[in-house]
Structure formats: structure tokens, C-alpha cells
PDB file of N, CA and C in Angstrom:
ATOM      1  N   MET A   1      26.852 -31.324  22.236  1.00  0.00           N
ATOM      2  CA  MET A   1      27.474 -31.347  23.834  1.00  0.00           C
ATOM      3  C   MET A   1      26.942 -31.500  24.788  1.00  0.00           C
ATOM      4  N   ARG A   2      25.462 -31.580  24.691  1.00  0.00           N
ATOM      5  CA  ARG A   2      24.843 -32.206  25.799  1.00  0.00           C
ATOM      6  C   ARG A   2      24.606 -33.595  26.102  1.00  0.00           C
ATOM      7  N   TYR A   3      25.107 -34.260  25.198  1.00  0.00           N
ATOM      8  CA  TYR A   3      25.116 -35.904  25.268  1.00  0.00           C
ATOM      9  C   TYR A   3      26.512 -35.844  26.195  1.00  0.00           C
ATOM     10  N   GLU A   4      27.494 -35.274  25.501  1.00  0.00           N
ATOM     11  CA  GLU A   4      28.994 -35.556  26.312  1.00  0.00           C
ATOM     12  C   GLU A   4      28.974 -35.012  27.503  1.00  0.00           C
ATOM     13  N   THR A   5      28.341 -34.106  28.156  1.00  0.00           N
ATOM     14  CA  THR A   5      28.533 -33.773  29.473  1.00  0.00           C
ATOM     15  C   THR A   5      27.546 -34.324  30.343  1.00  0.00           C
ATOM     16  N   GLY A   6      26.761 -35.366  29.780  1.00  0.00           N
ATOM     17  CA  GLY A   6      25.619 -35.682  30.495  1.00  0.00           C
ATOM     18  C   GLY A   6      24.585 -34.811  31.063  1.00  0.00           C
ATOM     19  N   ASN A   7      23.961 -33.697  30.033  1.00  0.00           N
ATOM     20  CA  ASN A   7      22.874 -32.882  30.659  1.00  0.00           C
ATOM     21  C   ASN A   7      21.795 -33.830  29.566  1.00  0.00           C
ATOM     22  N   ALA A   8      21.905 -34.459  28.744  1.00  0.00           N
ATOM     23  CA  ALA A   8      20.719 -35.352  27.924  1.00  0.00           C
ATOM     24  C   ALA A   8      21.218 -36.493  27.764  1.00  0.00           C
ATOM     25  N   ARG A   9      20.016 -37.203  27.851  1.00  0.00           N
ATOM     26  CA  ARG A   9      20.415 -38.820  27.679  1.00  0.00           C
ATOM     27  C   ARG A   9      19.709 -39.203  26.244  1.00  0.00           C
ATOM     28  N   ILE A  10      20.642 -40.565  26.008  1.00  0.00           N
ATOM     29  CA  ILE A  10      20.203 -41.027  24.633  1.00  0.00           C
ATOM     30  C   ILE A  10      19.158 -41.810  24.744  1.00  0.00           C
ATOM     31  N   SER A  11      17.858 -41.954  24.160  1.00  0.00           N
ATOM     32  CA  SER A  11      17.060 -42.926  24.516  1.00  0.00           C
ATOM     33  C   SER A  11      17.428 -44.384  23.734  1.00  0.00           C
ATOM     34  N   CYS A  12      16.579 -45.354  24.303  1.00  0.00           N
ATOM     35  CA  CYS A  12      16.946 -46.678  24.127  1.00  0.00           C
ATOM     36  C   CYS A  12      16.701 -47.191  22.761  1.00  0.00           C
ATOM     37  N   GLY A  13      15.908 -46.251  22.009  1.00  0.00           N
ATOM     38  CA  GLY A  13      15.574 -46.576  20.367  1.00  0.00           C
ATOM     39  C   GLY A  13      17.174 -45.977  19.942  1.00  0.00           C
ATOM     40  N   LYS A  14      17.494 -44.836  20.297  1.00  0.00           N
ATOM     41  CA  LYS A  14      18.720 -44.142  19.589  1.00  0.00           C
ATOM     42  C   LYS A  14      19.912 -44.909  19.579  1.00  0.00           C
ATOM     43  N   LEU A  15      20.146 -45.541  20.968  1.00  0.00           N
ATOM     44  CA  LEU A  15      20.943 -46.295  21.481  1.00  0.00           C
ATOM     45  C   LEU A  15      21.422 -47.558  20.653  1.00  0.00           C
ATOM     46  N   TYR A  16      20.132 -48.200  20.354  1.00  0.00           N
ATOM     47  CA  TYR A  16      20.209 -49.581  19.497  1.00  0.00           C
ATOM     48  C   TYR A  16      20.563 -49.176  17.771  1.00  0.00           C
ATOM     49  N   THR A  17      20.115 -47.950  17.302  1.00  0.00           N
ATOM     50  CA  THR A  17      20.202 -47.505  16.368  1.00  0.00           C
ATOM     51  C   THR A  17      21.571 -47.246  16.137  1.00  0.00           C
ATOM     52  N   ILE A  18      22.148 -46.630  16.968  1.00  0.00           N
ATOM     53  CA  ILE A  18      23.666 -46.503  17.044  1.00  0.00           C
ATOM     54  C   ILE A  18      24.561 -47.415  16.882  1.00  0.00           C
ATOM     55  N   ALA A  19      24.120 -48.491  17.625  1.00  0.00           N
ATOM     56  CA  ALA A  19      24.895 -49.675  18.111  1.00  0.00           C
ATOM     57  C   ALA A  19      24.771 -50.550  16.465  1.00  0.00           C
ATOM     58  N   ARG A  20      23.450 -50.486  15.839  1.00  0.00           N
ATOM     59  CA  ARG A  20      23.328 -51.330  14.584  1.00  0.00           C
ATOM     60  C   ARG A  20      24.133 -50.226  13.674  1.00  0.00           C
ATOM     61  N   THR A  21      24.313 -49.073  13.595  1.00  0.00           N
ATOM     62  CA  THR A  21      25.484 -48.746  12.549  1.00  0.00           C
ATOM     63  C   THR A  21      26.645 -48.910  12.623  1.00  0.00           C
ATOM     64  N   PHE A  22      27.059 -48.943  13.943  1.00  0.00           N
ATOM     65  CA  PHE A  22      28.791 -49.456  14.094  1.00  0.00           C
ATOM     66  C   PHE A  22      28.395 -50.872  14.252  1.00  0.00           C
ATOM     67  N   GLY A  23      27.875 -51.618  14.477  1.00  0.00           N
ATOM     68  CA  GLY A  23      27.684 -53.112  14.012  1.00  0.00           C
ATOM     69  C   GLY A  23      28.357 -53.827  15.280  1.00  0.00           C
ATOM     70  N   VAL A  24      27.817 -53.252  16.656  1.00  0.00           N
ATOM     71  CA  VAL A  24      28.499 -53.422  17.719  1.00  0.00           C
ATOM     72  C   VAL A  24      27.312 -53.825  18.870  1.00  0.00           C
ATOM     73  N   PRO A  25      27.341 -54.629  19.742  1.00  0.00           N
ATOM     74  CA  PRO A  25      26.255 -54.730  20.573  1.00  0.00           C
ATOM     75  C   PRO A  25      26.240 -53.330  21.633  1.00  0.00           C
ATOM     76  N   ILE A  26      24.826 -53.058  22.376  1.00  0.00           N
ATOM     77  CA  ILE A  26      24.891 -51.953  23.043  1.00  0.00           C
ATOM     78  C   ILE A  26      25.618 -52.236  24.007  1.00  0.00           C
ATOM     79  N   SER A  27      26.056 -53.179  24.638  1.00  0.00           N
ATOM     80  CA  SER A  27      27.052 -53.184  25.604  1.00  0.00           C
ATOM     81  C   SER A  27      28.420 -52.593  25.392  1.00  0.00           C
ATOM     82  N   ALA A  28      28.536 -52.253  23.930  1.00  0.00           N
ATOM     83  CA  ALA A  28      30.067 -51.776  23.857  1.00  0.00           C
ATOM     84  C   ALA A  28      30.083 -50.629  24.220  1.00  0.00           C
ATOM     85  N   PHE A  29      28.911 -49.549  24.502  1.00  0.00           N
ATOM     86  CA  PHE A  29      29.156 -48.410  25.106  1.00  0.00           C
ATOM     87  C   PHE A  29      29.028 -47.960  26.427  1.00  0.00           C
ATOM     88  N   PHE A  30      29.072 -49.072  27.316  1.00  0.00           N
ATOM     89  CA  PHE A  30      29.361 -48.993  28.477  1.00  0.00           C
ATOM     90  C   PHE A  30      30.382 -49.316  29.441  1.00  0.00           C
ATOM     91  N   ARG A  31      30.859 -48.461  30.101  1.00  0.00           N
ATOM     92  CA  ARG A  31      32.243 -48.842  30.630  1.00  0.00           C
ATOM     93  C   ARG A  31      32.781 -49.947  30.737  1.00  0.00           C
ATOM     94  N   ASP A  32      32.254 -50.746  31.634  1.00  0.00           N
ATOM     95  CA  ASP A  32      32.479 -52.289  31.889  1.00  0.00           C
ATOM     96  C   ASP A  32      32.889 -53.083  30.833  1.00  0.00           C
ATOM     97  N   THR A  33      32.535 -52.603  29.353  1.00  0.00           N
ATOM     98  CA  THR A  33      33.092 -53.435  28.238  1.00  0.00           C
ATOM     99  C   THR A  33      33.699 -52.235  27.394  1.00  0.00           C
ATOM    100  N   SER A  34      34.095 -52.713  26.323  1.00  0.00           N
ATOM    101  CA  SER A  34      35.033 -52.013  24.863  1.00  0.00           C
ATOM    102  C   SER A  34      34.571 -52.799  23.729  1.00  0.00           C
ATOM    103  N   ILE A  35      34.982 -51.842  23.013  1.00  0.00           N
ATOM    104  CA  ILE A  35      34.687 -52.521  21.616  1.00  0.00           C
ATOM    105  C   ILE A  35      35.691 -53.663  20.931  1.00  0.00           C
ATOM    106  N   GLU A  36      36.620 -53.907  21.885  1.00  0.00           N
ATOM    107  CA  GLU A  36      37.673 -54.966  21.897  1.00  0.00           C
ATOM    108  C   GLU A  36      37.156 -56.108  21.930  1.00  0.00           C
ATOM    109  N   ASN A  37      36.121 -56.156  23.123  1.00  0.00           N
ATOM    110  CA  ASN A  37      35.467 -57.155  23.451  1.00  0.00           C
ATOM    111  C   ASN A  37      34.161 -57.905  22.804  1.00  0.00           C
ATOM    112  N   TYR A  38      34.137 -57.362  21.891  1.00  0.00           N
ATOM    113  CA  TYR A  38      32.726 -57.617  20.968  1.00  0.00           C
ATOM    114  C   TYR A  38      32.862 -58.936  20.407  1.00  0.00           C
ATOM    115  N   ALA A  39      33.883 -58.853  19.823  1.00  0.00           N
ATOM    116  CA  ALA A  39      33.813 -60.101  18.735  1.00  0.00           C
ATOM    117  C   ALA A  39      35.034 -61.071  19.577  1.00  0.00           C
ATOM    118  N   ASP A  40      34.915 -62.278  18.675  1.00  0.00           N
ATOM    119  CA  ASP A  40      35.919 -63.480  19.404  1.00  0.00           C
ATOM    120  C   ASP A  40      37.222 -62.977  19.267  1.00  0.00           C
ATOM    121  N   GLU A  41      38.427 -63.590  19.950  1.00  0.00           N
ATOM    122  CA  GLU A  41      39.674 -63.415  19.991  1.00  0.00           C
ATOM    123  C   GLU A  41      40.310 -63.489  18.559  1.00  0.00           C
ATOM    124  N   SER A  42      39.778 -64.530  17.805  1.00  0.00           N
ATOM    125  CA  SER A  42      40.328 -64.337  16.133  1.00  0.00           C
ATOM    126  C   SER A  42      39.760 -63.224  15.455  1.00  0.00           C
ATOM    127  N   ASP A  43      38.707 -62.552  15.651  1.00  0.00           N
ATOM    128  CA  ASP A  43      38.077 -61.704  14.861  1.00  0.00           C
ATOM    129  C   ASP A  43      38.840 -60.318  14.752  1.00  0.00           C
ATOM    130  N   THR A  44      40.288 -60.332  14.456  1.00  0.00           N
ATOM    131  CA  THR A  44      41.169 -59.390  14.536  1.00  0.00           C
ATOM    132  C   THR A  44      40.848 -58.556  13.517  1.00  0.00           C
ATOM    133  N   GLU A  45      40.663 -58.901  12.279  1.00  0.00           N
ATOM    134  CA  GLU A  45      40.343 -57.851  11.073  1.00  0.00           C
ATOM    135  C   GLU A  45      39.022 -57.108  11.560  1.00  0.00           C
ATOM    136  N   MET A  46      37.951 -57.559  12.195  1.00  0.00           N
ATOM    137  CA  MET A  46      36.859 -56.415  12.507  1.00  0.00           C
ATOM    138  C   MET A  46      37.312 -55.708  13.608  1.00  0.00           C
ATOM    139  N   ARG A  47      38.145 -56.008  14.483  1.00  0.00           N
ATOM    140  CA  ARG A  47      38.309 -55.158  15.517  1.00  0.00           C
ATOM    141  C   ARG A  47      39.293 -54.006  14.574  1.00  0.00           C
ATOM    142  N   SER A  48      40.193 -54.119  13.782  1.00  0.00           N
ATOM    143  CA  SER A  48      41.185 -53.063  13.258  1.00  0.00           C
ATOM    144  C   SER A  48      40.440 -52.477  12.525  1.00  0.00           C
ATOM    145  N   LEU A  49      38.965 -52.831  11.965  1.00  0.00           N
ATOM    146  CA  LEU A  49      38.390 -51.634  11.221  1.00  0.00           C
ATOM    147  C   LEU A  49      37.657 -50.846  12.233  1.00  0.00           C
ATOM    148  N   PHE A  50      37.241 -51.140  13.396  1.00  0.00           N
ATOM    149  CA  PHE A  50      36.919 -50.232  14.040  1.00  0.00           C
ATOM    150  C   PHE A  50      37.753 -49.011  14.612  1.00  0.00           C
ATOM    151  N   ARG A  51      38.988 -49.560  14.520  1.00  0.00           N
ATOM    152  CA  ARG A  51      39.962 -48.401  14.881  1.00  0.00           C
ATOM    153  C   ARG A  51      40.656 -47.476  13.667  1.00  0.00           C
ATOM    154  N   ASP A  52      40.256 -47.788  12.740  1.00  0.00           N
ATOM    155  CA  ASP A  52      40.517 -47.042  11.489  1.00  0.00           C
ATOM    156  C   ASP A  52      39.606 -46.026  11.135  1.00  0.00           C
ATOM    157  N   ASP A  53      39.916 -44.619  11.513  1.00  0.00           N
ATOM    158  CA  ASP A  53      38.748 -43.572  11.087  1.00  0.00           C
ATOM    159  C   ASP A  53      38.194 -43.459   9.951  1.00  0.00           C
ATOM    160  N   LEU A  54      39.356 -43.697   8.843  1.00  0.00           N
ATOM    161  CA  LEU A  54      38.542 -43.915   7.484  1.00  0.00           C
ATOM    162  C   LEU A  54      37.878 -44.579   6.982  1.00  0.00           C
ATOM    163  N   CYS A  55      38.064 -45.818   7.462  1.00  0.00           N
ATOM    164  CA  CYS A  55      37.392 -47.014   7.420  1.00  0.00           C
ATOM    165  C   CYS A  55      35.665 -46.451   8.124  1.00  0.00           C
ATOM    166  N   LEU A  56      35.614 -46.199   9.394  1.00  0.00           N
ATOM    167  CA  LEU A  56      34.470 -46.004   9.691  1.00  0.00           C
ATOM    168  C   LEU A  56      33.660 -44.532   8.552  1.00  0.00           C
ATOM    169  N   ASP A  57      34.399 -43.536   8.229  1.00  0.00           N
ATOM    170  CA  ASP A  57      33.965 -42.797   7.536  1.00  0.00           C
ATOM    171  C   ASP A  57      33.327 -43.342   6.101  1.00  0.00           C
ATOM    172  N   LEU A  58      34.076 -44.109   5.673  1.00  0.00           N
ATOM    173  CA  LEU A  58      33.578 -44.935   4.470  1.00  0.00           C
ATOM    174  C   LEU A  58      32.445 -45.559   4.956  1.00  0.00           C
ATOM    175  N   LEU A  59      32.272 -46.346   5.823  1.00  0.00           N
ATOM    176  CA  LEU A  59      30.995 -47.279   6.165  1.00  0.00           C
ATOM    177  C   LEU A  59      29.828 -46.008   6.327  1.00  0.00           C
ATOM    178  N   ARG A  60      29.906 -45.157   7.159  1.00  0.00           N
ATOM    179  CA  ARG A  60      29.280 -44.428   7.518  1.00  0.00           C
ATOM    180  C   ARG A  60      28.290 -43.762   5.977  1.00  0.00           C
ATOM    181  N   ALA A  61      29.525 -42.976   5.210  1.00  0.00           N
ATOM    182  CA  ALA A  61      29.101 -42.558   4.008  1.00  0.00           C
ATOM    183  C   ALA A  61      28.195 -43.548   3.257  1.00  0.00           C
ATOM    184  N   TYR A  62      28.747 -45.087   2.952  1.00  0.00           N
ATOM    185  CA  TYR A  62      27.928 -45.900   2.338  1.00  0.00           C
ATOM    186  C   TYR A  62      26.862 -45.768   2.794  1.00  0.00           C
ATOM    187  N   GLU A  63      26.653 -46.385   4.006  1.00  0.00           N
ATOM    188  CA  GLU A  63      25.058 -46.741   4.461  1.00  0.00           C
ATOM    189  C   GLU A  63      24.216 -45.480   4.280  1.00  0.00           C
ATOM    190  N   ALA A  64      24.787 -43.992   3.964  1.00  0.00           N
ATOM    191  CA  ALA A  64      23.688 -42.934   3.869  1.00  0.00           C
ATOM    192  C   ALA A  64      23.317 -42.775   2.527  1.00  0.00           C
ATOM    193  N   ILE A  65      23.925 -43.723   1.576  1.00  0.00           N
ATOM    194  CA  ILE A  65      23.353 -44.032   0.397  1.00  0.00           C
ATOM    195  C   ILE A  65      22.169 -44.262   0.323  1.00  0.00           C
ATOM    196  N   PRO A  66      20.954 -43.916  -0.276  1.00  0.00           N
ATOM    197  CA  PRO A  66      19.797 -44.717  -0.340  1.00  0.00           C
ATOM    198  C   PRO A  66      19.421 -45.863  -1.397  1.00  0.00           C
ATOM    199  N   SER A  67      20.004 -45.511  -2.254  1.00  0.00           N
ATOM    200  CA  SER A  67      20.106 -46.485  -3.517  1.00  0.00           C
ATOM    201  C   SER A  67      20.979 -47.404  -3.439  1.00  0.00           C
ATOM    202  N   ARG A  68      20.049 -48.995  -3.644  1.00  0.00           N
ATOM    203  CA  ARG A  68      21.156 -49.854  -3.622  1.00  0.00           C
ATOM    204  C   ARG A  68      21.865 -50.159  -4.778  1.00  0.00           C
ATOM    205  N   PHE A  69      21.251 -49.720  -6.262  1.00  0.00           N
ATOM    206  CA  PHE A  69      22.195 -49.485  -7.332  1.00  0.00           C
ATOM    207  C   PHE A  69      23.077 -48.640  -6.888  1.00  0.00           C
ATOM    208  N   GLN A  70      23.274 -47.331  -6.294  1.00  0.00           N
ATOM    209  CA  GLN A  70      24.545 -46.575  -6.060  1.00  0.00           C
ATOM    210  C   GLN A  70      25.154 -47.017  -5.083  1.00  0.00           C
ATOM    211  N   ARG A  71      24.710 -47.884  -4.180  1.00  0.00           N
ATOM    212  CA  ARG A  71      25.579 -48.759  -3.313  1.00  0.00           C
ATOM    213  C   ARG A  71      26.277 -49.483  -4.081  1.00  0.00           C
ATOM    214  N   ARG A  72      25.867 -50.586  -4.879  1.00  0.00           N
ATOM    215  CA  ARG A  72      26.614 -51.364  -5.858  1.00  0.00           C
ATOM    216  C   ARG A  72      27.650 -51.000  -6.722  1.00  0.00           C
ATOM    217  N   LYS A  73      27.477 -49.526  -7.279  1.00  0.00           N
ATOM    218  CA  LYS A  73      28.269 -48.847  -8.104  1.00  0.00           C
ATOM    219  C   LYS A  73      29.666 -48.603  -7.359  1.00  0.00           C
ATOM    220  N   VAL A  74      29.239 -47.596  -6.134  1.00  0.00           N
ATOM    221  CA  VAL A  74      30.417 -47.287  -5.261  1.00  0.00           C
ATOM    222  C   VAL A  74      31.211 -48.401  -4.859  1.00  0.00           C
ATOM    223  N   LEU A  75      30.518 -49.612  -4.368  1.00  0.00           N
ATOM    224  CA  LEU A  75      31.378 -50.822  -3.912  1.00  0.00           C
ATOM    225  C   LEU A  75      32.484 -51.282  -5.254  1.00  0.00           C
ATOM    226  N   ASP A  76      31.812 -51.312  -6.529  1.00  0.00           N
ATOM    227  CA  ASP A  76      32.589 -51.553  -7.897  1.00  0.00           C
ATOM    228  C   ASP A  76      33.786 -50.424  -7.919  1.00  0.00           C
ATOM    229  N   ILE A  77      33.255 -49.421  -7.585  1.00  0.00           N
ATOM    230  CA  ILE A  77      34.439 -48.221  -7.880  1.00  0.00           C
ATOM    231  C   ILE A  77      35.801 -48.775  -6.534  1.00  0.00           C
ATOM    232  N   VAL A  78      34.972 -49.016  -5.150  1.00  0.00           N
ATOM    233  CA  VAL A  78      36.395 -49.245  -4.049  1.00  0.00           C
ATOM    234  C   VAL A  78      36.921 -50.399  -4.571  1.00  0.00           C
ATOM    235  N   ARG A  79      36.237 -51.419  -5.264  1.00  0.00           N
ATOM    236  CA  ARG A  79      37.309 -52.721  -5.629  1.00  0.00           C
ATOM    237  C   ARG A  79      37.992 -52.492  -6.862  1.00  0.00           C
ATOM    238  N   ALA A  80      37.456 -51.671  -7.734  1.00  0.00           N
ATOM    239  CA  ALA A  80      38.394 -51.234  -8.833  1.00  0.00           C
ATOM    240  C   ALA A  80      39.443 -50.666  -8.184  1.00  0.00           C
ATOM    241  N   ALA A  81      39.420 -49.811  -7.070  1.00  0.00           N
ATOM    242  CA  ALA A  81      40.506 -48.888  -6.736  1.00  0.00           C
ATOM    243  C   ALA A  81      41.483 -49.656  -5.844  1.00  0.00           C
ATOM    244  N   ALA A  82      41.239 -50.660  -5.378  1.00  0.00           N
ATOM    245  CA  ALA A  82      41.826 -51.711  -4.279  1.00  0.00           C
ATOM    246  C   ALA A  82      42.196 -53.006  -5.450  1.00  0.00           C
ATOM    247  N   ARG A  83      41.903 -52.944  -6.634  1.00  0.00           N
ATOM    248  CA  ARG A  83      42.143 -54.312  -7.502  1.00  0.00           C
ATOM    249  C   ARG A  83      41.791 -55.560  -7.064  1.00  0.00           C
ATOM    250  N   ILE A  84      40.409 -55.598  -6.280  1.00  0.00           N
ATOM    251  CA  ILE A  84      39.674 -56.769  -5.717  1.00  0.00           C
ATOM    252  C   ILE A  84      38.853 -57.261  -6.438  1.00  0.00           C
ATOM    253  N   LYS A  85      38.354 -58.453  -7.003  1.00  0.00           N
ATOM    254  CA  LYS A  85      37.535 -59.021  -8.013  1.00  0.00           C
ATOM    255  C   LYS A  85      36.399 -59.159  -6.886  1.00  0.00           C
ATOM    256  N   ALA A  86      35.269 -59.043  -7.759  1.00  0.00           N
ATOM    257  CA  ALA A  86      33.651 -59.172  -6.655  1.00  0.00           C
ATOM    258  C   ALA A  86      33.626 -60.572  -6.380  1.00  0.00           C
ATOM    259  N   THR A  87      34.518 -61.546  -6.706  1.00  0.00           N
ATOM    260  CA  THR A  87      34.110 -62.940  -6.417  1.00  0.00           C
ATOM    261  C   THR A  87      35.163 -63.221  -5.038  1.00  0.00           C
ATOM    262  N   GLU A  88      36.178 -62.376  -4.613  1.00  0.00           N
ATOM    263  CA  GLU A  88      37.262 -62.181  -3.667  1.00  0.00           C
ATOM    264  C   GLU A  88      36.313 -61.888  -2.198  1.00  0.00           C
ATOM    265  N   ARG A  89      36.784 -62.632  -1.216  1.00  0.00           N
ATOM    266  CA  ARG A  89      35.868 -62.161  -0.088  1.00  0.00           C
ATOM    267  C   ARG A  89      34.521 -62.646  -0.232  1.00  0.00           C
TER     268      ARG A  89
END
């Protein structure tokens, strides 16, 4: 709550980490810019991913998995559920 009310500030290092986690430039967190502007106009797929709360939750959970082997297995499960072959995309 301290950050939301402005009683505490986020360090540059933490802001950089947050930006990397979300895959956006640091400028996306400032009023003069928005997440809509960080990508090219043609990149509607990426912008739509950031609008979907479930997608963001999935990405955060995936990033929290420490093992590359486990990440690969999770990806295999998601692809199987979506019926996407590994060579697609």
C-alpha cells in the first residue's frame, strides 16, 4: 500500500526488474506513455496478451519455475491442452 499511495518509492533496480518481468520498457510506467505504445502498431498480438489477466498470471507463474526442465514440461502441457505442435510458432 505504501507504493500505491506514494509514501514509498520504487528503486531504479526494482523498476528495471518489474519492467523486464512484464516485457515492457521502463517508460511504460510513466503517465506520458502507456503499455499500448511500447510496441509497433502491427504488434496487436503482444498488446492483447497484456490485456488478458489470465495470460499475465500464466507468464508470472511460468517465470517463477526455477527449473528449465520443469518449464519445458509445463510448456508441453500447455501446448497439448491447446493442441499446438512444438514446431508451430
